[in-house]
Each structure stands twice: as C-alpha cells, then as structure tokens.
Amino acid sequence: MPWTYILLAAFCLVAILALALNNNGGSESESEQRPVASKLKQANIPFGGDRAYQYLKEICAIGPRVSATEGMARQQAYLKSHFEKLGGRVSLQEFPARHPLTG
C-alpha cells in the first residue's frame, strides 16, 4: 500500500511540472513562440499561369528525377538557381540513405 502512495505522489509531481512548463514557464516570451504574420497578401503576389507552365515544362524536360540521379541533381540546381535569382537563400538538406532495392 505505501508504494501506491509514492507512485501517486510521483505522478502528481510530474503532472504539476508538466503544467507549469506548458503554461509558458520557459524563458521565451509568447511573442517569440508564435510566428509573425506576413504583411504580404495573396492578392499582392503576381501569378502568371503561362510562366508557371513554362517552369513545369523546363523541369519535365530534365527527364526522370529519381533520388541520387543526375536528373535529380539537375532539378536541384535549377530550383536553387531560380530562387537565388529571386533573392532567396537556398540550402539543401542532404543525408545518407540506403536504397531499398540496391542497398
């Protein structure tokens, strides 16, 4: 019977700590935790269907773009160049992975 009281007390302590930390008990303020809403509205973003279709045709012209192939590398270079020209900062997330069929 004493073990049940110890377990109950431990559970209550963990629950109280979890609630305290969940109620903004961390060092970050609420404004730092929430993303800032963009001032740019969707209506202000120019979209050209013909231009988008041209981008799609250029990517499809690369051919198959399976991971770890020349086609994928060309697509990545194309997209990286495109977004850097628009002022974006582009970084690729690389990681080692075994191919499920070829190892």
PDB file of N, CA and C in Angstrom:
ATOM      1  N   MET A   1       0.802  -1.199   0.000  1.00  0.00           N
ATOM      2  CA  MET A   1       0.000   0.000   0.000  1.00  0.00           C
ATOM      3  C   MET A   1       0.852   1.274   0.000  1.00  0.00           C
ATOM      4  N   PRO A   2       1.982   1.346   0.730  1.00  0.00           N
ATOM      5  CA  PRO A   2       2.785   2.568   0.693  1.00  0.00           C
ATOM      6  C   PRO A   2       3.317   2.872  -0.703  1.00  0.00           C
ATOM      7  N   TRP A   3       3.588   1.842  -1.522  1.00  0.00           N
ATOM      8  CA  TRP A   3       4.099   2.082  -2.872  1.00  0.00           C
ATOM      9  C   TRP A   3       3.076   2.811  -3.724  1.00  0.00           C
ATOM     10  N   THR A   4       1.819   2.538  -3.520  1.00  0.00           N
ATOM     11  CA  THR A   4       0.799   3.230  -4.314  1.00  0.00           C
ATOM     12  C   THR A   4       0.779   4.713  -3.989  1.00  0.00           C
ATOM     13  N   TYR A   5       0.988   5.076  -2.723  1.00  0.00           N
ATOM     14  CA  TYR A   5       1.041   6.489  -2.353  1.00  0.00           C
ATOM     15  C   TYR A   5       2.276   7.167  -2.955  1.00  0.00           C
ATOM     16  N   ILE A   6       3.390   6.462  -2.974  1.00  0.00           N
ATOM     17  CA  ILE A   6       4.616   7.017  -3.564  1.00  0.00           C
ATOM     18  C   ILE A   6       4.432   7.222  -5.064  1.00  0.00           C
ATOM     19  N   LEU A   7       3.847   6.240  -5.736  1.00  0.00           N
ATOM     20  CA  LEU A   7       3.596   6.368  -7.177  1.00  0.00           C
ATOM     21  C   LEU A   7       2.609   7.490  -7.463  1.00  0.00           C
ATOM     22  N   LEU A   8       1.569   7.597  -6.653  1.00  0.00           N
ATOM     23  CA  LEU A   8       0.591   8.663  -6.836  1.00  0.00           C
ATOM     24  C   LEU A   8       1.232  10.035  -6.626  1.00  0.00           C
ATOM     25  N   ALA A   9       2.072  10.155  -5.614  1.00  0.00           N
ATOM     26  CA  ALA A   9       2.765  11.426  -5.360  1.00  0.00           C
ATOM     27  C   ALA A   9       3.707  11.769  -6.510  1.00  0.00           C
ATOM     28  N   ALA A  10       4.420  10.763  -7.008  1.00  0.00           N
ATOM     29  CA  ALA A  10       5.335  10.996  -8.137  1.00  0.00           C
ATOM     30  C   ALA A  10       4.551  11.427  -9.369  1.00  0.00           C
ATOM     31  N   PHE A  11       3.426  10.786  -9.632  1.00  0.00           N
ATOM     32  CA  PHE A  11       2.595  11.147 -10.778  1.00  0.00           C
ATOM     33  C   PHE A  11       2.102  12.584 -10.645  1.00  0.00           C
ATOM     34  N   CYS A  12       1.635  12.946  -9.456  1.00  0.00           N
ATOM     35  CA  CYS A  12       1.155  14.314  -9.239  1.00  0.00           C
ATOM     36  C   CYS A  12       2.265  15.337  -9.439  1.00  0.00           C
ATOM     37  N   LEU A  13       3.458  15.029  -8.974  1.00  0.00           N
ATOM     38  CA  LEU A  13       4.592  15.936  -9.138  1.00  0.00           C
ATOM     39  C   LEU A  13       4.927  16.134 -10.614  1.00  0.00           C
ATOM     40  N   VAL A  14       4.949  15.049 -11.371  1.00  0.00           N
ATOM     41  CA  VAL A  14       5.230  15.138 -12.807  1.00  0.00           C
ATOM     42  C   VAL A  14       4.135  15.942 -13.499  1.00  0.00           C
ATOM     43  N   ALA A  15       2.883  15.711 -13.132  1.00  0.00           N
ATOM     44  CA  ALA A  15       1.778  16.448 -13.743  1.00  0.00           C
ATOM     45  C   ALA A  15       1.879  17.939 -13.452  1.00  0.00           C
ATOM     46  N   ILE A  16       2.225  18.295 -12.227  1.00  0.00           N
ATOM     47  CA  ILE A  16       2.356  19.708 -11.860  1.00  0.00           C
ATOM     48  C   ILE A  16       3.505  20.360 -12.622  1.00  0.00           C
ATOM     49  N   LEU A  17       4.624  19.662 -12.745  1.00  0.00           N
ATOM     50  CA  LEU A  17       5.757  20.201 -13.508  1.00  0.00           C
ATOM     51  C   LEU A  17       5.401  20.369 -14.973  1.00  0.00           C
ATOM     52  N   ALA A  18       4.694  19.393 -15.532  1.00  0.00           N
ATOM     53  CA  ALA A  18       4.295  19.485 -16.942  1.00  0.00           C
ATOM     54  C   ALA A  18       3.377  20.669 -17.161  1.00  0.00           C
ATOM     55  N   LEU A  19       2.430  20.875 -16.272  1.00  0.00           N
ATOM     56  CA  LEU A  19       1.525  22.022 -16.405  1.00  0.00           C
ATOM     57  C   LEU A  19       2.273  23.343 -16.259  1.00  0.00           C
ATOM     58  N   ALA A  20       3.198  23.398 -15.332  1.00  0.00           N
ATOM     59  CA  ALA A  20       3.958  24.630 -15.123  1.00  0.00           C
ATOM     60  C   ALA A  20       4.792  24.977 -16.352  1.00  0.00           C
ATOM     61  N   LEU A  21       5.420  23.971 -16.938  1.00  0.00           N
ATOM     62  CA  LEU A  21       6.237  24.230 -18.123  1.00  0.00           C
ATOM     63  C   LEU A  21       5.378  24.523 -19.336  1.00  0.00           C
ATOM     64  N   ASN A  22       4.218  23.926 -19.412  1.00  0.00           N
ATOM     65  CA  ASN A  22       3.338  24.122 -20.557  1.00  0.00           C
ATOM     66  C   ASN A  22       2.676  25.489 -20.527  1.00  0.00           C
ATOM     67  N   ASN A  23       2.530  26.081 -19.365  1.00  0.00           N
ATOM     68  CA  ASN A  23       1.902  27.392 -19.236  1.00  0.00           C
ATOM     69  C   ASN A  23       2.919  28.507 -19.352  1.00  0.00           C
ATOM     70  N   ASN A  24       3.775  28.403 -20.382  1.00  0.00           N
ATOM     71  CA  ASN A  24       4.762  29.431 -20.679  1.00  0.00           C
ATOM     72  C   ASN A  24       5.761  29.599 -19.538  1.00  0.00           C
ATOM     73  N   GLY A  25       6.131  28.505 -18.921  1.00  0.00           N
ATOM     74  CA  GLY A  25       7.111  28.567 -17.858  1.00  0.00           C
ATOM     75  C   GLY A  25       8.528  28.639 -18.387  1.00  0.00           C
ATOM     76  N   GLY A  26       8.692  28.541 -19.726  1.00  0.00           N
ATOM     77  CA  GLY A  26      10.019  28.602 -20.323  1.00  0.00           C
ATOM     78  C   GLY A  26      10.537  30.022 -20.369  1.00  0.00           C
ATOM     79  N   SER A  27      11.712  30.221 -20.948  1.00  0.00           N
ATOM     80  CA  SER A  27      12.329  31.547 -20.964  1.00  0.00           C
ATOM     81  C   SER A  27      11.849  32.384 -22.140  1.00  0.00           C
ATOM     82  N   GLU A  28      11.223  31.766 -23.150  1.00  0.00           N
ATOM     83  CA  GLU A  28      10.785  32.521 -24.310  1.00  0.00           C
ATOM     84  C   GLU A  28       9.455  33.193 -24.031  1.00  0.00           C
ATOM     85  N   SER A  29       9.313  34.416 -24.517  1.00  0.00           N
ATOM     86  CA  SER A  29       8.039  35.098 -24.354  1.00  0.00           C
ATOM     87  C   SER A  29       7.063  34.571 -25.393  1.00  0.00           C
ATOM     88  N   GLU A  30       5.785  34.882 -25.196  1.00  0.00           N
ATOM     89  CA  GLU A  30       4.754  34.377 -26.097  1.00  0.00           C
ATOM     90  C   GLU A  30       4.951  34.893 -27.515  1.00  0.00           C
ATOM     91  N   SER A  31       5.426  36.136 -27.669  1.00  0.00           N
ATOM     92  CA  SER A  31       5.629  36.693 -28.997  1.00  0.00           C
ATOM     93  C   SER A  31       6.764  35.987 -29.733  1.00  0.00           C
ATOM     94  N   GLU A  32       7.743  35.440 -29.000  1.00  0.00           N
ATOM     95  CA  GLU A  32       8.840  34.731 -29.646  1.00  0.00           C
ATOM     96  C   GLU A  32       8.424  33.336 -30.086  1.00  0.00           C
ATOM     97  N   GLN A  33       7.396  32.779 -29.462  1.00  0.00           N
ATOM     98  CA  GLN A  33       6.968  31.433 -29.793  1.00  0.00           C
ATOM     99  C   GLN A  33       6.073  31.389 -31.018  1.00  0.00           C
ATOM    100  N   ARG A  34       5.352  32.449 -31.280  1.00  0.00           N
ATOM    101  CA  ARG A  34       4.422  32.473 -32.404  1.00  0.00           C
ATOM    102  C   ARG A  34       5.063  33.149 -33.609  1.00  0.00           C
ATOM    103  N   PRO A  35       4.837  32.580 -34.806  1.00  0.00           N
ATOM    104  CA  PRO A  35       5.392  33.231 -35.992  1.00  0.00           C
ATOM    105  C   PRO A  35       4.695  34.561 -36.264  1.00  0.00           C
ATOM    106  N   VAL A  36       5.446  35.478 -36.813  1.00  0.00           N
ATOM    107  CA  VAL A  36       4.905  36.789 -37.149  1.00  0.00           C
ATOM    108  C   VAL A  36       4.118  36.662 -38.447  1.00  0.00           C
ATOM    109  N   ALA A  37       2.926  37.207 -38.460  1.00  0.00           N
ATOM    110  CA  ALA A  37       2.089  37.146 -39.655  1.00  0.00           C
ATOM    111  C   ALA A  37       2.707  38.003 -40.754  1.00  0.00           C
ATOM    112  N   SER A  38       2.676  37.497 -41.966  1.00  0.00           N
ATOM    113  CA  SER A  38       3.225  38.227 -43.098  1.00  0.00           C
ATOM    114  C   SER A  38       2.315  39.388 -43.462  1.00  0.00           C
ATOM    115  N   LYS A  39       2.922  40.489 -43.861  1.00  0.00           N
ATOM    116  CA  LYS A  39       2.143  41.639 -44.312  1.00  0.00           C
ATOM    117  C   LYS A  39       1.785  41.507 -45.786  1.00  0.00           C
ATOM    118  N   LEU A  40       2.389  40.539 -46.462  1.00  0.00           N
ATOM    119  CA  LEU A  40       2.135  40.312 -47.874  1.00  0.00           C
ATOM    120  C   LEU A  40       0.859  39.507 -48.031  1.00  0.00           C
ATOM    121  N   LYS A  41      -0.055  40.004 -48.805  1.00  0.00           N
ATOM    122  CA  LYS A  41      -1.331  39.326 -49.032  1.00  0.00           C
ATOM    123  C   LYS A  41      -1.258  38.546 -50.347  1.00  0.00           C
ATOM    124  N   GLN A  42      -2.045  37.487 -50.427  1.00  0.00           N
ATOM    125  CA  GLN A  42      -2.015  36.635 -51.615  1.00  0.00           C
ATOM    126  C   GLN A  42      -2.350  37.430 -52.879  1.00  0.00           C
ATOM    127  N   ALA A  43      -3.242  38.401 -52.768  1.00  0.00           N
ATOM    128  CA  ALA A  43      -3.609  39.214 -53.925  1.00  0.00           C
ATOM    129  C   ALA A  43      -2.431  40.036 -54.446  1.00  0.00           C
ATOM    130  N   ASN A  44      -1.421  40.286 -53.585  1.00  0.00           N
ATOM    131  CA  ASN A  44      -0.257  41.085 -53.980  1.00  0.00           C
ATOM    132  C   ASN A  44       0.839  40.245 -54.640  1.00  0.00           C
ATOM    133  N   ILE A  45       0.677  38.944 -54.640  1.00  0.00           N
ATOM    134  CA  ILE A  45       1.688  38.066 -55.226  1.00  0.00           C
ATOM    135  C   ILE A  45       1.319  37.828 -56.687  1.00  0.00           C
ATOM    136  N   PRO A  46       2.157  38.312 -57.601  1.00  0.00           N
ATOM    137  CA  PRO A  46       1.821  38.124 -59.017  1.00  0.00           C
ATOM    138  C   PRO A  46       1.928  36.653 -59.409  1.00  0.00           C
ATOM    139  N   PHE A  47       0.940  36.161 -60.118  1.00  0.00           N
ATOM    140  CA  PHE A  47       0.957  34.788 -60.611  1.00  0.00           C
ATOM    141  C   PHE A  47       0.637  34.809 -62.082  1.00  0.00           C
ATOM    142  N   GLY A  48       1.481  34.144 -62.841  1.00  0.00           N
ATOM    143  CA  GLY A  48       1.251  34.028 -64.273  1.00  0.00           C
ATOM    144  C   GLY A  48       1.147  32.564 -64.648  1.00  0.00           C
ATOM    145  N   GLY A  49      -0.010  32.148 -65.084  1.00  0.00           N
ATOM    146  CA  GLY A  49      -0.223  30.760 -65.449  1.00  0.00           C
ATOM    147  C   GLY A  49       0.723  30.302 -66.552  1.00  0.00           C
ATOM    148  N   ASP A  50       0.941  31.148 -67.552  1.00  0.00           N
ATOM    149  CA  ASP A  50       1.842  30.788 -68.654  1.00  0.00           C
ATOM    150  C   ASP A  50       3.272  30.611 -68.155  1.00  0.00           C
ATOM    151  N   ARG A  51       3.675  31.500 -67.258  1.00  0.00           N
ATOM    152  CA  ARG A  51       5.025  31.421 -66.704  1.00  0.00           C
ATOM    153  C   ARG A  51       5.185  30.148 -65.860  1.00  0.00           C
ATOM    154  N   ALA A  52       4.175  29.839 -65.051  1.00  0.00           N
ATOM    155  CA  ALA A  52       4.220  28.625 -64.227  1.00  0.00           C
ATOM    156  C   ALA A  52       4.279  27.385 -65.105  1.00  0.00           C
ATOM    157  N   TYR A  53       3.521  27.389 -66.186  1.00  0.00           N
ATOM    158  CA  TYR A  53       3.523  26.246 -67.098  1.00  0.00           C
ATOM    159  C   TYR A  53       4.895  26.097 -67.760  1.00  0.00           C
ATOM    160  N   GLN A  54       5.543  27.209 -68.070  1.00  0.00           N
ATOM    161  CA  GLN A  54       6.883  27.159 -68.663  1.00  0.00           C
ATOM    162  C   GLN A  54       7.882  26.546 -67.683  1.00  0.00           C
ATOM    163  N   TYR A  55       7.791  26.936 -66.406  1.00  0.00           N
ATOM    164  CA  TYR A  55       8.666  26.327 -65.395  1.00  0.00           C
ATOM    165  C   TYR A  55       8.443  24.821 -65.334  1.00  0.00           C
ATOM    166  N   LEU A  56       7.193  24.414 -65.367  1.00  0.00           N
ATOM    167  CA  LEU A  56       6.859  22.999 -65.311  1.00  0.00           C
ATOM    168  C   LEU A  56       7.425  22.256 -66.512  1.00  0.00           C
ATOM    169  N   LYS A  57       7.322  22.853 -67.700  1.00  0.00           N
ATOM    170  CA  LYS A  57       7.872  22.211 -68.900  1.00  0.00           C
ATOM    171  C   LYS A  57       9.387  22.086 -68.803  1.00  0.00           C
ATOM    172  N   GLU A  58      10.066  23.102 -68.270  1.00  0.00           N
ATOM    173  CA  GLU A  58      11.524  23.048 -68.146  1.00  0.00           C
ATOM    174  C   GLU A  58      11.962  21.957 -67.166  1.00  0.00           C
ATOM    175  N   ILE A  59      11.235  21.815 -66.076  1.00  0.00           N
ATOM    176  CA  ILE A  59      11.578  20.763 -65.112  1.00  0.00           C
ATOM    177  C   ILE A  59      11.299  19.385 -65.702  1.00  0.00           C
ATOM    178  N   CYS A  60      10.175  19.232 -66.393  1.00  0.00           N
ATOM    179  CA  CYS A  60       9.854  17.933 -67.002  1.00  0.00           C
ATOM    180  C   CYS A  60      10.838  17.583 -68.119  1.00  0.00           C
ATOM    181  N   ALA A  61      11.386  18.592 -68.791  1.00  0.00           N
ATOM    182  CA  ALA A  61      12.348  18.341 -69.859  1.00  0.00           C
ATOM    183  C   ALA A  61      13.642  17.728 -69.327  1.00  0.00           C
ATOM    184  N   ILE A  62      13.898  17.886 -68.048  1.00  0.00           N
ATOM    185  CA  ILE A  62      15.084  17.275 -67.439  1.00  0.00           C
ATOM    186  C   ILE A  62      14.995  15.763 -67.538  1.00  0.00           C
ATOM    187  N   GLY A  63      13.791  15.242 -67.499  1.00  0.00           N
ATOM    188  CA  GLY A  63      13.593  13.793 -67.551  1.00  0.00           C
ATOM    189  C   GLY A  63      13.355  13.252 -66.160  1.00  0.00           C
ATOM    190  N   PRO A  64      13.532  11.951 -65.983  1.00  0.00           N
ATOM    191  CA  PRO A  64      13.312  11.356 -64.660  1.00  0.00           C
ATOM    192  C   PRO A  64      14.209  12.006 -63.611  1.00  0.00           C
ATOM    193  N   ARG A  65      13.638  12.237 -62.427  1.00  0.00           N
ATOM    194  CA  ARG A  65      14.352  12.923 -61.357  1.00  0.00           C
ATOM    195  C   ARG A  65      14.345  12.085 -60.088  1.00  0.00           C
ATOM    196  N   VAL A  66      14.710  10.834 -60.241  1.00  0.00           N
ATOM    197  CA  VAL A  66      14.758   9.907 -59.111  1.00  0.00           C
ATOM    198  C   VAL A  66      15.906  10.310 -58.193  1.00  0.00           C
ATOM    199  N   SER A  67      15.718  10.121 -56.890  1.00  0.00           N
ATOM    200  CA  SER A  67      16.756  10.485 -55.922  1.00  0.00           C
ATOM    201  C   SER A  67      18.102   9.888 -56.285  1.00  0.00           C
ATOM    202  N   ALA A  68      19.144  10.666 -56.065  1.00  0.00           N
ATOM    203  CA  ALA A  68      20.539  10.275 -56.282  1.00  0.00           C
ATOM    204  C   ALA A  68      20.880  10.037 -57.747  1.00  0.00           C
ATOM    205  N   THR A  69      20.125  10.642 -58.665  1.00  0.00           N
ATOM    206  CA  THR A  69      20.441  10.522 -60.093  1.00  0.00           C
ATOM    207  C   THR A  69      20.854  11.883 -60.634  1.00  0.00           C
ATOM    208  N   GLU A  70      21.385  11.879 -61.834  1.00  0.00           N
ATOM    209  CA  GLU A  70      21.778  13.122 -62.499  1.00  0.00           C
ATOM    210  C   GLU A  70      20.560  14.027 -62.699  1.00  0.00           C
ATOM    211  N   GLY A  71      19.422  13.428 -63.011  1.00  0.00           N
ATOM    212  CA  GLY A  71      18.199  14.217 -63.188  1.00  0.00           C
ATOM    213  C   GLY A  71      17.812  14.974 -61.929  1.00  0.00           C
ATOM    214  N   MET A  72      17.923  14.315 -60.792  1.00  0.00           N
ATOM    215  CA  MET A  72      17.604  14.981 -59.528  1.00  0.00           C
ATOM    216  C   MET A  72      18.597  16.109 -59.261  1.00  0.00           C
ATOM    217  N   ALA A  73      19.868  15.880 -59.530  1.00  0.00           N
ATOM    218  CA  ALA A  73      20.880  16.922 -59.321  1.00  0.00           C
ATOM    219  C   ALA A  73      20.606  18.123 -60.225  1.00  0.00           C
ATOM    220  N   ARG A  74      20.197  17.877 -61.467  1.00  0.00           N
ATOM    221  CA  ARG A  74      19.883  18.978 -62.384  1.00  0.00           C
ATOM    222  C   ARG A  74      18.650  19.752 -61.919  1.00  0.00           C
ATOM    223  N   GLN A  75      17.644  19.035 -61.422  1.00  0.00           N
ATOM    224  CA  GLN A  75      16.445  19.706 -60.909  1.00  0.00           C
ATOM    225  C   GLN A  75      16.794  20.560 -59.700  1.00  0.00           C
ATOM    226  N   GLN A  76      17.616  20.029 -58.802  1.00  0.00           N
ATOM    227  CA  GLN A  76      18.010  20.794 -57.623  1.00  0.00           C
ATOM    228  C   GLN A  76      18.769  22.055 -58.013  1.00  0.00           C
ATOM    229  N   ALA A  77      19.673  21.929 -58.969  1.00  0.00           N
ATOM    230  CA  ALA A  77      20.437  23.091 -59.431  1.00  0.00           C
ATOM    231  C   ALA A  77      19.504  24.125 -60.073  1.00  0.00           C
ATOM    232  N   TYR A  78      18.532  23.660 -60.836  1.00  0.00           N
ATOM    233  CA  TYR A  78      17.561  24.548 -61.497  1.00  0.00           C
ATOM    234  C   TYR A  78      16.770  25.331 -60.448  1.00  0.00           C
ATOM    235  N   LEU A  79      16.228  24.623 -59.448  1.00  0.00           N
ATOM    236  CA  LEU A  79      15.419  25.279 -58.429  1.00  0.00           C
ATOM    237  C   LEU A  79      16.260  26.205 -57.552  1.00  0.00           C
ATOM    238  N   LYS A  80      17.472  25.772 -57.213  1.00  0.00           N
ATOM    239  CA  LYS A  80      18.362  26.595 -56.392  1.00  0.00           C
ATOM    240  C   LYS A  80      18.677  27.902 -57.113  1.00  0.00           C
ATOM    241  N   SER A  81      19.025  27.805 -58.385  1.00  0.00           N
ATOM    242  CA  SER A  81      19.335  28.988 -59.177  1.00  0.00           C
ATOM    243  C   SER A  81      18.120  29.910 -59.287  1.00  0.00           C
ATOM    244  N   HIS A  82      16.963  29.325 -59.529  1.00  0.00           N
ATOM    245  CA  HIS A  82      15.736  30.114 -59.691  1.00  0.00           C
ATOM    246  C   HIS A  82      15.451  30.943 -58.442  1.00  0.00           C
ATOM    247  N   PHE A  83      15.469  30.299 -57.281  1.00  0.00           N
ATOM    248  CA  PHE A  83      15.109  31.008 -56.057  1.00  0.00           C
ATOM    249  C   PHE A  83      16.206  31.956 -55.580  1.00  0.00           C
ATOM    250  N   GLU A  84      17.463  31.655 -55.887  1.00  0.00           N
ATOM    251  CA  GLU A  84      18.535  32.595 -55.551  1.00  0.00           C
ATOM    252  C   GLU A  84      18.431  33.856 -56.400  1.00  0.00           C
ATOM    253  N   LYS A  85      18.024  33.724 -57.661  1.00  0.00           N
ATOM    254  CA  LYS A  85      17.830  34.900 -58.512  1.00  0.00           C
ATOM    255  C   LYS A  85      16.718  35.801 -57.973  1.00  0.00           C
ATOM    256  N   LEU A  86      15.763  35.197 -57.265  1.00  0.00           N
ATOM    257  CA  LEU A  86      14.668  35.966 -56.676  1.00  0.00           C
ATOM    258  C   LEU A  86      15.025  36.517 -55.297  1.00  0.00           C
ATOM    259  N   GLY A  87      16.268  36.289 -54.858  1.00  0.00           N
ATOM    260  CA  GLY A  87      16.718  36.822 -53.581  1.00  0.00           C
ATOM    261  C   GLY A  87      16.596  35.851 -52.422  1.00  0.00           C
ATOM    262  N   GLY A  88      16.247  34.607 -52.721  1.00  0.00           N
ATOM    263  CA  GLY A  88      16.102  33.612 -51.664  1.00  0.00           C
ATOM    264  C   GLY A  88      17.446  33.051 -51.230  1.00  0.00           C
ATOM    265  N   ARG A  89      17.482  32.564 -50.022  1.00  0.00           N
ATOM    266  CA  ARG A  89      18.660  31.876 -49.506  1.00  0.00           C
ATOM    267  C   ARG A  89      18.309  30.396 -49.506  1.00  0.00           C
ATOM    268  N   VAL A  90      19.003  29.619 -50.306  1.00  0.00           N
ATOM    269  CA  VAL A  90      18.670  28.219 -50.518  1.00  0.00           C
ATOM    270  C   VAL A  90      19.735  27.328 -49.899  1.00  0.00           C
ATOM    271  N   SER A  91      19.295  26.314 -49.166  1.00  0.00           N
ATOM    272  CA  SER A  91      20.216  25.307 -48.650  1.00  0.00           C
ATOM    273  C   SER A  91      19.572  23.938 -48.850  1.00  0.00           C
ATOM    274  N   LEU A  92      20.385  22.980 -49.188  1.00  0.00           N
ATOM    275  CA  LEU A  92      19.893  21.630 -49.416  1.00  0.00           C
ATOM    276  C   LEU A  92      20.095  20.807 -48.153  1.00  0.00           C
ATOM    277  N   GLN A  93      19.129  19.979 -47.853  1.00  0.00           N
ATOM    278  CA  GLN A  93      19.237  19.080 -46.712  1.00  0.00           C
ATOM    279  C   GLN A  93      19.684  17.721 -47.235  1.00  0.00           C
ATOM    280  N   GLU A  94      20.948  17.415 -47.027  1.00  0.00           N
ATOM    281  CA  GLU A  94      21.494  16.155 -47.507  1.00  0.00           C
ATOM    282  C   GLU A  94      21.607  15.166 -46.356  1.00  0.00           C
ATOM    283  N   PHE A  95      21.418  13.907 -46.667  1.00  0.00           N
ATOM    284  CA  PHE A  95      21.557  12.869 -45.663  1.00  0.00           C
ATOM    285  C   PHE A  95      21.868  11.551 -46.364  1.00  0.00           C
ATOM    286  N   PRO A  96      22.613  10.672 -45.701  1.00  0.00           N
ATOM    287  CA  PRO A  96      22.902   9.364 -46.294  1.00  0.00           C
ATOM    288  C   PRO A  96      21.707   8.426 -46.094  1.00  0.00           C
ATOM    289  N   ALA A  97      21.360   7.699 -47.129  1.00  0.00           N
ATOM    290  CA  ALA A  97      20.273   6.719 -47.028  1.00  0.00           C
ATOM    291  C   ALA A  97      20.569   5.567 -47.981  1.00  0.00           C
ATOM    292  N   ARG A  98      20.229   4.386 -47.530  1.00  0.00           N
ATOM    293  CA  ARG A  98      20.414   3.209 -48.378  1.00  0.00           C
ATOM    294  C   ARG A  98      19.202   3.047 -49.287  1.00  0.00           C
ATOM    295  N   HIS A  99      19.455   2.736 -50.545  1.00  0.00           N
ATOM    296  CA  HIS A  99      18.382   2.491 -51.484  1.00  0.00           C
ATOM    297  C   HIS A  99      17.734   1.147 -51.117  1.00  0.00           C
ATOM    298  N   PRO A 100      16.408   1.091 -51.076  1.00  0.00           N
ATOM    299  CA  PRO A 100      15.749  -0.125 -50.635  1.00  0.00           C
ATOM    300  C   PRO A 100      15.950  -1.323 -51.561  1.00  0.00           C
ATOM    301  N   LEU A 101      16.257  -1.079 -52.822  1.00  0.00           N
ATOM    302  CA  LEU A 101      16.437  -2.200 -53.756  1.00  0.00           C
ATOM    303  C   LEU A 101      17.903  -2.544 -54.017  1.00  0.00           C
ATOM    304  N   THR A 102      18.746  -1.501 -54.083  1.00  0.00           N
ATOM    305  CA  THR A 102      20.146  -1.739 -54.444  1.00  0.00           C
ATOM    306  C   THR A 102      21.108  -1.651 -53.273  1.00  0.00           C
ATOM    307  N   GLY A 103      20.606  -1.222 -52.107  1.00  0.00           N
ATOM    308  CA  GLY A 103      21.467  -1.124 -50.930  1.00  0.00           C
ATOM    309  C   GLY A 103      22.315   0.115 -50.986  1.00  0.00           C
TER     310      GLY A 103
END
